[in-house]
């Protein structure tokens, strides 16, 4: 597995798909490793060169001292593409990854298109994370072991009944997260970048085609934030997935993949 470097920050990434095809690069959310894109990557890797990578502080990438900024993490994405020899790519980001994608599009003339899932442009009109969700994300009962803690943190991001209906999948997700999640400290450093993020008044500068997907039942990044993106981006397709939660790319992978593959084929 190759490593890219942004200054002294090591960034682990992997690549699959036809070497002579257009590149699709995936950017994950806060604390998550590159496993989260396995469903979307599988849907496109026959037709596209695909890159998945671990954000700083996550998985096999290094954990520099924080707090982090979106500008730094957009530069990390540029470093990964540089190491892979890719000049431009379709950028797919979810949650914090969607913020990194927006920052990358503004800082570098290298995004062929953007796909932004369950994310926000920040700014004064941003719909905040509900207080109940924040409590689940950061106030885990002390009596919980590692596996119980991960499930507790995930609860607002999935639909009611998801754990009970998908025990095998949930077990695998917990295993993946145990193997690659950001440390508590690195998660806080990534969170600082999310809290400071605000490109709401610059969305008009993002001229490349964009696809915005958002679940109407998102309890982490409420759907009003997807509406802000759709209102501000000049060339956008906006689709809401009725009843879909924050982790729509897992729970509603078939729907997401249909929208994504159609969009990529068109742009």
C-alpha atoms as a PDB file:
ATOM      1  CA  UNK A   1       0.000   0.000   0.000  1.00  0.00           C
ATOM      2  CA  UNK A   2       1.501   3.360  -0.988  1.00  0.00           C
ATOM      3  CA  UNK A   3       1.929   6.348   1.299  1.00  0.00           C
ATOM      4  CA  UNK A   4       1.746  10.004   0.333  1.00  0.00           C
ATOM      5  CA  UNK A   5       3.259  12.823   2.362  1.00  0.00           C
ATOM      6  CA  UNK A   6       2.022  16.331   3.043  1.00  0.00           C
ATOM      7  CA  UNK A   7       5.039  17.904   4.676  1.00  0.00           C
ATOM      8  CA  UNK A   8       5.772  15.258   7.352  1.00  0.00           C
ATOM      9  CA  UNK A   9       2.235  13.861   7.567  1.00  0.00           C
ATOM     10  CA  UNK A  10       2.053  10.329   6.159  1.00  0.00           C
ATOM     11  CA  UNK A  11      -1.192   9.522   4.332  1.00  0.00           C
ATOM     12  CA  UNK A  12      -2.026   5.892   3.602  1.00  0.00           C
ATOM     13  CA  UNK A  13      -4.064   5.146   0.501  1.00  0.00           C
ATOM     14  CA  UNK A  14      -5.008   2.304  -1.812  1.00  0.00           C
ATOM     15  CA  UNK A  15      -6.004   2.170  -5.431  1.00  0.00           C
ATOM     16  CA  UNK A  16      -8.078  -0.138  -7.642  1.00  0.00           C
ATOM     17  CA  UNK A  17      -9.617  -0.072 -11.096  1.00  0.00           C
ATOM     18  CA  UNK A  18      -8.422   0.555 -14.655  1.00  0.00           C
ATOM     19  CA  UNK A  19      -5.230   2.604 -14.651  1.00  0.00           C
ATOM     20  CA  UNK A  20      -6.211   4.494 -17.807  1.00  0.00           C
ATOM     21  CA  UNK A  21      -9.690   5.486 -16.578  1.00  0.00           C
ATOM     22  CA  UNK A  22     -10.850   8.711 -14.928  1.00  0.00           C
ATOM     23  CA  UNK A  23     -10.123   8.800 -11.207  1.00  0.00           C
ATOM     24  CA  UNK A  24     -12.703   8.836  -8.418  1.00  0.00           C
ATOM     25  CA  UNK A  25     -11.292   9.663  -4.985  1.00  0.00           C
ATOM     26  CA  UNK A  26     -13.319   9.098  -1.827  1.00  0.00           C
ATOM     27  CA  UNK A  27     -13.011  11.185   1.355  1.00  0.00           C
ATOM     28  CA  UNK A  28     -14.366   9.795   4.615  1.00  0.00           C
ATOM     29  CA  UNK A  29     -16.139  11.364   7.560  1.00  0.00           C
ATOM     30  CA  UNK A  30     -14.920  12.317  11.007  1.00  0.00           C
ATOM     31  CA  UNK A  31     -13.078   9.513  12.755  1.00  0.00           C
ATOM     32  CA  UNK A  32     -13.834   6.898  10.070  1.00  0.00           C
ATOM     33  CA  UNK A  33     -11.316   4.918   8.061  1.00  0.00           C
ATOM     34  CA  UNK A  34     -11.459   4.206   4.360  1.00  0.00           C
ATOM     35  CA  UNK A  35     -13.554   1.053   4.894  1.00  0.00           C
ATOM     36  CA  UNK A  36     -16.681   3.238   4.847  1.00  0.00           C
ATOM     37  CA  UNK A  37     -16.536   3.532   1.055  1.00  0.00           C
ATOM     38  CA  UNK A  38     -16.461  -0.218   0.284  1.00  0.00           C
ATOM     39  CA  UNK A  39     -20.014  -0.178  -1.176  1.00  0.00           C
ATOM     40  CA  UNK A  40     -19.510   2.836  -3.449  1.00  0.00           C
ATOM     41  CA  UNK A  41     -16.036   1.792  -4.487  1.00  0.00           C
ATOM     42  CA  UNK A  42     -17.296  -1.633  -5.510  1.00  0.00           C
ATOM     43  CA  UNK A  43     -19.986   0.042  -7.624  1.00  0.00           C
ATOM     44  CA  UNK A  44     -17.555   2.100  -9.713  1.00  0.00           C
ATOM     45  CA  UNK A  45     -14.181   0.351  -9.727  1.00  0.00           C
ATOM     46  CA  UNK A  46     -14.841  -1.608 -12.932  1.00  0.00           C
ATOM     47  CA  UNK A  47     -15.120   1.654 -14.853  1.00  0.00           C
ATOM     48  CA  UNK A  48     -12.982   4.109 -12.874  1.00  0.00           C
ATOM     49  CA  UNK A  49      -9.578   4.320 -11.261  1.00  0.00           C
ATOM     50  CA  UNK A  50     -10.518   4.557  -7.561  1.00  0.00           C
ATOM     51  CA  UNK A  51      -8.556   5.909  -4.607  1.00  0.00           C
ATOM     52  CA  UNK A  52      -9.504   5.572  -0.940  1.00  0.00           C
ATOM     53  CA  UNK A  53      -7.319   6.993   1.797  1.00  0.00           C
ATOM     54  CA  UNK A  54      -7.188   7.632   5.533  1.00  0.00           C
ATOM     55  CA  UNK A  55      -7.457  11.213   6.754  1.00  0.00           C
ATOM     56  CA  UNK A  56      -4.734  12.450   9.080  1.00  0.00           C
ATOM     57  CA  UNK A  57      -5.271  10.961  12.512  1.00  0.00           C
ATOM     58  CA  UNK A  58      -7.175   7.957  11.142  1.00  0.00           C
ATOM     59  CA  UNK A  59      -6.377   4.389  10.164  1.00  0.00           C
ATOM     60  CA  UNK A  60      -2.884   3.870   8.801  1.00  0.00           C
ATOM     61  CA  UNK A  61      -2.164   7.565   8.298  1.00  0.00           C
ATOM     62  CA  UNK A  62      -0.075   9.377  10.864  1.00  0.00           C
ATOM     63  CA  UNK A  63      -1.501  11.414  13.729  1.00  0.00           C
ATOM     64  CA  UNK A  64       0.167  14.830  13.828  1.00  0.00           C
ATOM     65  CA  UNK A  65      -0.486  17.210  16.673  1.00  0.00           C
ATOM     66  CA  UNK A  66      -3.760  19.108  16.227  1.00  0.00           C
ATOM     67  CA  UNK A  67      -6.175  20.725  16.078  1.00  0.00           C
ATOM     68  CA  UNK A  68      -6.565  20.249  12.330  1.00  0.00           C
ATOM     69  CA  UNK A  69      -8.028  22.568   9.692  1.00  0.00           C
ATOM     70  CA  UNK A  70      -9.953  21.925   6.481  1.00  0.00           C
ATOM     71  CA  UNK A  71      -7.205  23.694   4.544  1.00  0.00           C
ATOM     72  CA  UNK A  72      -4.683  21.164   5.896  1.00  0.00           C
ATOM     73  CA  UNK A  73      -6.894  18.209   5.074  1.00  0.00           C
ATOM     74  CA  UNK A  74      -7.624  19.519   1.571  1.00  0.00           C
ATOM     75  CA  UNK A  75      -3.852  19.752   1.126  1.00  0.00           C
ATOM     76  CA  UNK A  76      -3.636  16.127   2.302  1.00  0.00           C
ATOM     77  CA  UNK A  77      -6.010  15.146  -0.507  1.00  0.00           C
ATOM     78  CA  UNK A  78      -3.873  17.051  -3.005  1.00  0.00           C
ATOM     79  CA  UNK A  79      -0.783  15.213  -1.714  1.00  0.00           C
ATOM     80  CA  UNK A  80      -2.473  11.829  -2.202  1.00  0.00           C
ATOM     81  CA  UNK A  81      -3.379  12.695  -5.789  1.00  0.00           C
ATOM     82  CA  UNK A  82       0.153  13.980  -6.407  1.00  0.00           C
ATOM     83  CA  UNK A  83       1.664  10.729  -5.153  1.00  0.00           C
ATOM     84  CA  UNK A  84      -0.742   8.748  -7.331  1.00  0.00           C
ATOM     85  CA  UNK A  85       0.165  10.858 -10.364  1.00  0.00           C
ATOM     86  CA  UNK A  86      -3.401  12.115 -10.771  1.00  0.00           C
ATOM     87  CA  UNK A  87      -3.936  15.687 -11.935  1.00  0.00           C
ATOM     88  CA  UNK A  88      -7.733  15.801 -11.586  1.00  0.00           C
ATOM     89  CA  UNK A  89     -10.393  13.560 -10.095  1.00  0.00           C
ATOM     90  CA  UNK A  90     -14.061  13.190  -9.317  1.00  0.00           C
ATOM     91  CA  UNK A  91     -14.196  13.826  -5.565  1.00  0.00           C
ATOM     92  CA  UNK A  92     -16.746  12.003  -3.406  1.00  0.00           C
ATOM     93  CA  UNK A  93     -17.063  13.068   0.224  1.00  0.00           C
ATOM     94  CA  UNK A  94     -19.470  12.389   3.076  1.00  0.00           C
ATOM     95  CA  UNK A  95     -19.979  14.392   6.276  1.00  0.00           C
ATOM     96  CA  UNK A  96     -16.545  15.849   7.154  1.00  0.00           C
ATOM     97  CA  UNK A  97     -15.289  14.352   3.891  1.00  0.00           C
ATOM     98  CA  UNK A  98     -17.799  16.494   2.031  1.00  0.00           C
ATOM     99  CA  UNK A  99     -16.360  19.551   3.737  1.00  0.00           C
ATOM    100  CA  UNK A 100     -12.846  18.532   2.740  1.00  0.00           C
ATOM    101  CA  UNK A 101     -14.122  18.079  -0.826  1.00  0.00           C
ATOM    102  CA  UNK A 102     -15.590  21.588  -0.885  1.00  0.00           C
ATOM    103  CA  UNK A 103     -12.374  23.086   0.493  1.00  0.00           C
ATOM    104  CA  UNK A 104     -10.342  21.126  -2.055  1.00  0.00           C
ATOM    105  CA  UNK A 105     -12.512  22.422  -4.899  1.00  0.00           C
ATOM    106  CA  UNK A 106     -11.955  25.990  -3.710  1.00  0.00           C
ATOM    107  CA  UNK A 107      -8.207  25.678  -3.109  1.00  0.00           C
ATOM    108  CA  UNK A 108      -7.201  23.588  -6.141  1.00  0.00           C
ATOM    109  CA  UNK A 109      -8.313  23.508  -9.770  1.00  0.00           C
ATOM    110  CA  UNK A 110      -8.318  19.710  -9.770  1.00  0.00           C
ATOM    111  CA  UNK A 111     -11.874  18.513  -9.066  1.00  0.00           C
ATOM    112  CA  UNK A 112     -13.708  17.249 -12.165  1.00  0.00           C
ATOM    113  CA  UNK A 113     -16.906  16.950 -10.133  1.00  0.00           C
ATOM    114  CA  UNK A 114     -18.066  16.830  -6.523  1.00  0.00           C
ATOM    115  CA  UNK A 115     -20.397  14.359  -4.867  1.00  0.00           C
ATOM    116  CA  UNK A 116     -21.382  15.630  -1.424  1.00  0.00           C
ATOM    117  CA  UNK A 117     -23.311  13.378   0.923  1.00  0.00           C
ATOM    118  CA  UNK A 118     -24.807  14.211   4.314  1.00  0.00           C
ATOM    119  CA  UNK A 119     -22.666  17.323   4.675  1.00  0.00           C
ATOM    120  CA  UNK A 120     -22.821  21.096   5.067  1.00  0.00           C
ATOM    121  CA  UNK A 121     -21.199  24.316   3.835  1.00  0.00           C
ATOM    122  CA  UNK A 122     -21.049  25.667   7.384  1.00  0.00           C
ATOM    123  CA  UNK A 123     -21.815  29.318   7.990  1.00  0.00           C
ATOM    124  CA  UNK A 124     -24.408  31.230   9.990  1.00  0.00           C
ATOM    125  CA  UNK A 125     -27.374  29.460   8.400  1.00  0.00           C
ATOM    126  CA  UNK A 126     -26.056  25.978   9.080  1.00  0.00           C
ATOM    127  CA  UNK A 127     -28.514  23.693  10.865  1.00  0.00           C
ATOM    128  CA  UNK A 128     -26.575  22.537  13.952  1.00  0.00           C
ATOM    129  CA  UNK A 129     -26.033  18.999  15.140  1.00  0.00           C
ATOM    130  CA  UNK A 130     -28.830  18.213  17.608  1.00  0.00           C
ATOM    131  CA  UNK A 131     -27.785  18.227  21.263  1.00  0.00           C
ATOM    132  CA  UNK A 132     -28.965  14.643  21.732  1.00  0.00           C
ATOM    133  CA  UNK A 133     -26.662  13.526  18.916  1.00  0.00           C
ATOM    134  CA  UNK A 134     -23.678  15.328  20.433  1.00  0.00           C
ATOM    135  CA  UNK A 135     -24.277  13.562  23.725  1.00  0.00           C
ATOM    136  CA  UNK A 136     -24.175  10.188  21.962  1.00  0.00           C
ATOM    137  CA  UNK A 137     -21.017  11.110  20.086  1.00  0.00           C
ATOM    138  CA  UNK A 138     -19.000  12.436  23.011  1.00  0.00           C
ATOM    139  CA  UNK A 139     -20.568  11.308  26.318  1.00  0.00           C
ATOM    140  CA  UNK A 140     -20.256   7.525  26.242  1.00  0.00           C
ATOM    141  CA  UNK A 141     -21.101   5.770  29.524  1.00  0.00           C
ATOM    142  CA  UNK A 142     -17.902   4.861  31.351  1.00  0.00           C
ATOM    143  CA  UNK A 143     -19.092   1.291  31.916  1.00  0.00           C
ATOM    144  CA  UNK A 144     -19.144   0.497  28.181  1.00  0.00           C
ATOM    145  CA  UNK A 145     -16.385  -1.566  26.582  1.00  0.00           C
ATOM    146  CA  UNK A 146     -14.898  -0.650  23.202  1.00  0.00           C
ATOM    147  CA  UNK A 147     -17.508  -2.455  21.121  1.00  0.00           C
ATOM    148  CA  UNK A 148     -20.409  -1.073  23.138  1.00  0.00           C
ATOM    149  CA  UNK A 149     -18.936   2.427  22.885  1.00  0.00           C
ATOM    150  CA  UNK A 150     -18.758   2.263  19.092  1.00  0.00           C
ATOM    151  CA  UNK A 151     -22.357   1.105  18.833  1.00  0.00           C
ATOM    152  CA  UNK A 152     -23.448   3.864  21.205  1.00  0.00           C
ATOM    153  CA  UNK A 153     -21.658   6.539  19.153  1.00  0.00           C
ATOM    154  CA  UNK A 154     -23.199   5.170  15.940  1.00  0.00           C
ATOM    155  CA  UNK A 155     -26.784   5.160  17.208  1.00  0.00           C
ATOM    156  CA  UNK A 156     -27.812   8.623  15.901  1.00  0.00           C
ATOM    157  CA  UNK A 157     -26.184   7.906  12.516  1.00  0.00           C
ATOM    158  CA  UNK A 158     -28.312   4.861  11.688  1.00  0.00           C
ATOM    159  CA  UNK A 159     -32.017   4.143  11.465  1.00  0.00           C
ATOM    160  CA  UNK A 160     -33.985   2.790  14.403  1.00  0.00           C
ATOM    161  CA  UNK A 161     -33.810  -0.990  14.253  1.00  0.00           C
ATOM    162  CA  UNK A 162     -30.669  -1.087  12.064  1.00  0.00           C
ATOM    163  CA  UNK A 163     -28.585  -2.844  14.721  1.00  0.00           C
ATOM    164  CA  UNK A 164     -31.244  -5.497  15.326  1.00  0.00           C
ATOM    165  CA  UNK A 165     -31.910  -6.098  11.623  1.00  0.00           C
ATOM    166  CA  UNK A 166     -28.259  -6.353  10.559  1.00  0.00           C
ATOM    167  CA  UNK A 167     -26.288  -8.063  13.352  1.00  0.00           C
ATOM    168  CA  UNK A 168     -23.619  -9.560  11.087  1.00  0.00           C
ATOM    169  CA  UNK A 169     -23.006  -6.304   9.220  1.00  0.00           C
ATOM    170  CA  UNK A 170     -22.929  -4.315  12.452  1.00  0.00           C
ATOM    171  CA  UNK A 171     -20.378  -6.748  13.868  1.00  0.00           C
ATOM    172  CA  UNK A 172     -18.155  -6.262  10.821  1.00  0.00           C
ATOM    173  CA  UNK A 173     -18.495  -2.476  11.005  1.00  0.00           C
ATOM    174  CA  UNK A 174     -17.501  -2.529  14.674  1.00  0.00           C
ATOM    175  CA  UNK A 175     -14.460  -4.657  13.757  1.00  0.00           C
ATOM    176  CA  UNK A 176     -13.461  -2.221  11.000  1.00  0.00           C
ATOM    177  CA  UNK A 177     -13.881   0.724  13.336  1.00  0.00           C
ATOM    178  CA  UNK A 178     -11.847  -0.911  16.086  1.00  0.00           C
ATOM    179  CA  UNK A 179      -9.094  -1.436  13.544  1.00  0.00           C
ATOM    180  CA  UNK A 180      -9.047   2.040  11.994  1.00  0.00           C
ATOM    181  CA  UNK A 181     -10.996   4.687  13.926  1.00  0.00           C
ATOM    182  CA  UNK A 182      -9.249   7.899  14.895  1.00  0.00           C
ATOM    183  CA  UNK A 183      -8.160   8.092  18.512  1.00  0.00           C
ATOM    184  CA  UNK A 184     -10.333  10.172  20.816  1.00  0.00           C
ATOM    185  CA  UNK A 185      -7.779  12.973  20.617  1.00  0.00           C
ATOM    186  CA  UNK A 186      -7.493  12.896  16.820  1.00  0.00           C
ATOM    187  CA  UNK A 187     -11.278  12.804  16.552  1.00  0.00           C
ATOM    188  CA  UNK A 188     -11.432  16.006  18.608  1.00  0.00           C
ATOM    189  CA  UNK A 189      -8.777  17.576  16.365  1.00  0.00           C
ATOM    190  CA  UNK A 190     -10.805  16.662  13.273  1.00  0.00           C
ATOM    191  CA  UNK A 191     -13.891  17.981  15.032  1.00  0.00           C
ATOM    192  CA  UNK A 192     -12.198  21.354  15.467  1.00  0.00           C
ATOM    193  CA  UNK A 193     -11.883  21.584  11.675  1.00  0.00           C
ATOM    194  CA  UNK A 194     -15.568  20.757  11.281  1.00  0.00           C
ATOM    195  CA  UNK A 195     -16.615  23.390  13.825  1.00  0.00           C
ATOM    196  CA  UNK A 196     -14.537  26.097  12.127  1.00  0.00           C
ATOM    197  CA  UNK A 197     -15.603  25.210   8.581  1.00  0.00           C
ATOM    198  CA  UNK A 198     -17.493  27.935   6.686  1.00  0.00           C
ATOM    199  CA  UNK A 199     -17.561  28.258   2.894  1.00  0.00           C
ATOM    200  CA  UNK A 200     -21.209  29.274   2.687  1.00  0.00           C
ATOM    201  CA  UNK A 201     -20.415  32.587   1.004  1.00  0.00           C
ATOM    202  CA  UNK A 202     -18.030  30.920  -1.487  1.00  0.00           C
ATOM    203  CA  UNK A 203     -20.272  28.206  -2.895  1.00  0.00           C
ATOM    204  CA  UNK A 204     -20.776  30.251  -6.059  1.00  0.00           C
ATOM    205  CA  UNK A 205     -17.064  29.821  -6.810  1.00  0.00           C
ATOM    206  CA  UNK A 206     -17.483  26.039  -7.117  1.00  0.00           C
ATOM    207  CA  UNK A 207     -18.247  25.836 -10.824  1.00  0.00           C
ATOM    208  CA  UNK A 208     -17.800  22.104 -11.495  1.00  0.00           C
ATOM    209  CA  UNK A 209     -20.844  19.805 -11.559  1.00  0.00           C
ATOM    210  CA  UNK A 210     -21.984  18.695  -8.117  1.00  0.00           C
ATOM    211  CA  UNK A 211     -24.250  15.956  -6.820  1.00  0.00           C
ATOM    212  CA  UNK A 212     -25.743  16.494  -3.354  1.00  0.00           C
ATOM    213  CA  UNK A 213     -27.350  13.544  -1.547  1.00  0.00           C
ATOM    214  CA  UNK A 214     -28.969  13.829   1.875  1.00  0.00           C
ATOM    215  CA  UNK A 215     -31.226  11.658   3.982  1.00  0.00           C
ATOM    216  CA  UNK A 216     -34.398  13.265   5.293  1.00  0.00           C
ATOM    217  CA  UNK A 217     -33.938  11.435   8.628  1.00  0.00           C
ATOM    218  CA  UNK A 218     -30.312  12.491   9.174  1.00  0.00           C
ATOM    219  CA  UNK A 219     -29.917  13.064  12.923  1.00  0.00           C
ATOM    220  CA  UNK A 220     -26.260  14.084  12.684  1.00  0.00           C
ATOM    221  CA  UNK A 221     -26.180  16.652   9.857  1.00  0.00           C
ATOM    222  CA  UNK A 222     -29.833  17.646   9.356  1.00  0.00           C
ATOM    223  CA  UNK A 223     -31.169  17.731   5.804  1.00  0.00           C
ATOM    224  CA  UNK A 224     -31.464  21.530   5.870  1.00  0.00           C
ATOM    225  CA  UNK A 225     -27.711  21.620   5.331  1.00  0.00           C
ATOM    226  CA  UNK A 226     -28.051  19.715   2.069  1.00  0.00           C
ATOM    227  CA  UNK A 227     -30.640  22.268   1.031  1.00  0.00           C
ATOM    228  CA  UNK A 228     -28.141  25.055   1.727  1.00  0.00           C
ATOM    229  CA  UNK A 229     -25.648  23.360  -0.587  1.00  0.00           C
ATOM    230  CA  UNK A 230     -28.265  22.892  -3.281  1.00  0.00           C
ATOM    231  CA  UNK A 231     -29.246  26.556  -3.052  1.00  0.00           C
ATOM    232  CA  UNK A 232     -25.660  27.826  -3.215  1.00  0.00           C
ATOM    233  CA  UNK A 233     -23.913  25.615  -5.774  1.00  0.00           C
ATOM    234  CA  UNK A 234     -24.243  26.857  -9.378  1.00  0.00           C
ATOM    235  CA  UNK A 235     -24.322  23.456 -11.145  1.00  0.00           C
ATOM    236  CA  UNK A 236     -25.999  20.964  -8.839  1.00  0.00           C
ATOM    237  CA  UNK A 237     -28.218  17.920  -8.766  1.00  0.00           C
ATOM    238  CA  UNK A 238     -29.926  17.529  -5.394  1.00  0.00           C
ATOM    239  CA  UNK A 239     -31.634  14.359  -4.244  1.00  0.00           C
ATOM    240  CA  UNK A 240     -33.117  13.617  -0.843  1.00  0.00           C
ATOM    241  CA  UNK A 241     -33.494  10.014   0.251  1.00  0.00           C
ATOM    242  CA  UNK A 242     -36.718   9.713   2.191  1.00  0.00           C
ATOM    243  CA  UNK A 243     -36.185   8.276   5.652  1.00  0.00           C
ATOM    244  CA  UNK A 244     -32.446   7.765   5.133  1.00  0.00           C
ATOM    245  CA  UNK A 245     -30.080   8.365   8.084  1.00  0.00           C
ATOM    246  CA  UNK A 246     -26.617   9.906   8.201  1.00  0.00           C
ATOM    247  CA  UNK A 247     -24.904   6.692   7.099  1.00  0.00           C
ATOM    248  CA  UNK A 248     -27.006   6.590   3.947  1.00  0.00           C
ATOM    249  CA  UNK A 249     -24.023   5.314   1.947  1.00  0.00           C
ATOM    250  CA  UNK A 250     -24.292   2.094   3.997  1.00  0.00           C
ATOM    251  CA  UNK A 251     -27.998   1.704   4.727  1.00  0.00           C
ATOM    252  CA  UNK A 252     -29.144   2.972   1.330  1.00  0.00           C
ATOM    253  CA  UNK A 253     -26.098   1.945  -0.658  1.00  0.00           C
ATOM    254  CA  UNK A 254     -28.093   0.754  -3.681  1.00  0.00           C
ATOM    255  CA  UNK A 255     -29.882   4.097  -4.013  1.00  0.00           C
ATOM    256  CA  UNK A 256     -26.691   6.069  -3.436  1.00  0.00           C
ATOM    257  CA  UNK A 257     -24.791   3.973  -5.969  1.00  0.00           C
ATOM    258  CA  UNK A 258     -27.479   4.480  -8.587  1.00  0.00           C
ATOM    259  CA  UNK A 259     -27.335   8.257  -8.204  1.00  0.00           C
ATOM    260  CA  UNK A 260     -23.521   8.236  -8.114  1.00  0.00           C
ATOM    261  CA  UNK A 261     -22.955   6.061 -11.178  1.00  0.00           C
ATOM    262  CA  UNK A 262     -25.520   8.008 -13.222  1.00  0.00           C
ATOM    263  CA  UNK A 263     -23.916  11.299 -12.241  1.00  0.00           C
ATOM    264  CA  UNK A 264     -20.378  10.168 -13.011  1.00  0.00           C
ATOM    265  CA  UNK A 265     -21.460   8.821 -16.391  1.00  0.00           C
ATOM    266  CA  UNK A 266     -23.046  12.155 -17.268  1.00  0.00           C
ATOM    267  CA  UNK A 267     -20.157  14.410 -16.231  1.00  0.00           C
END
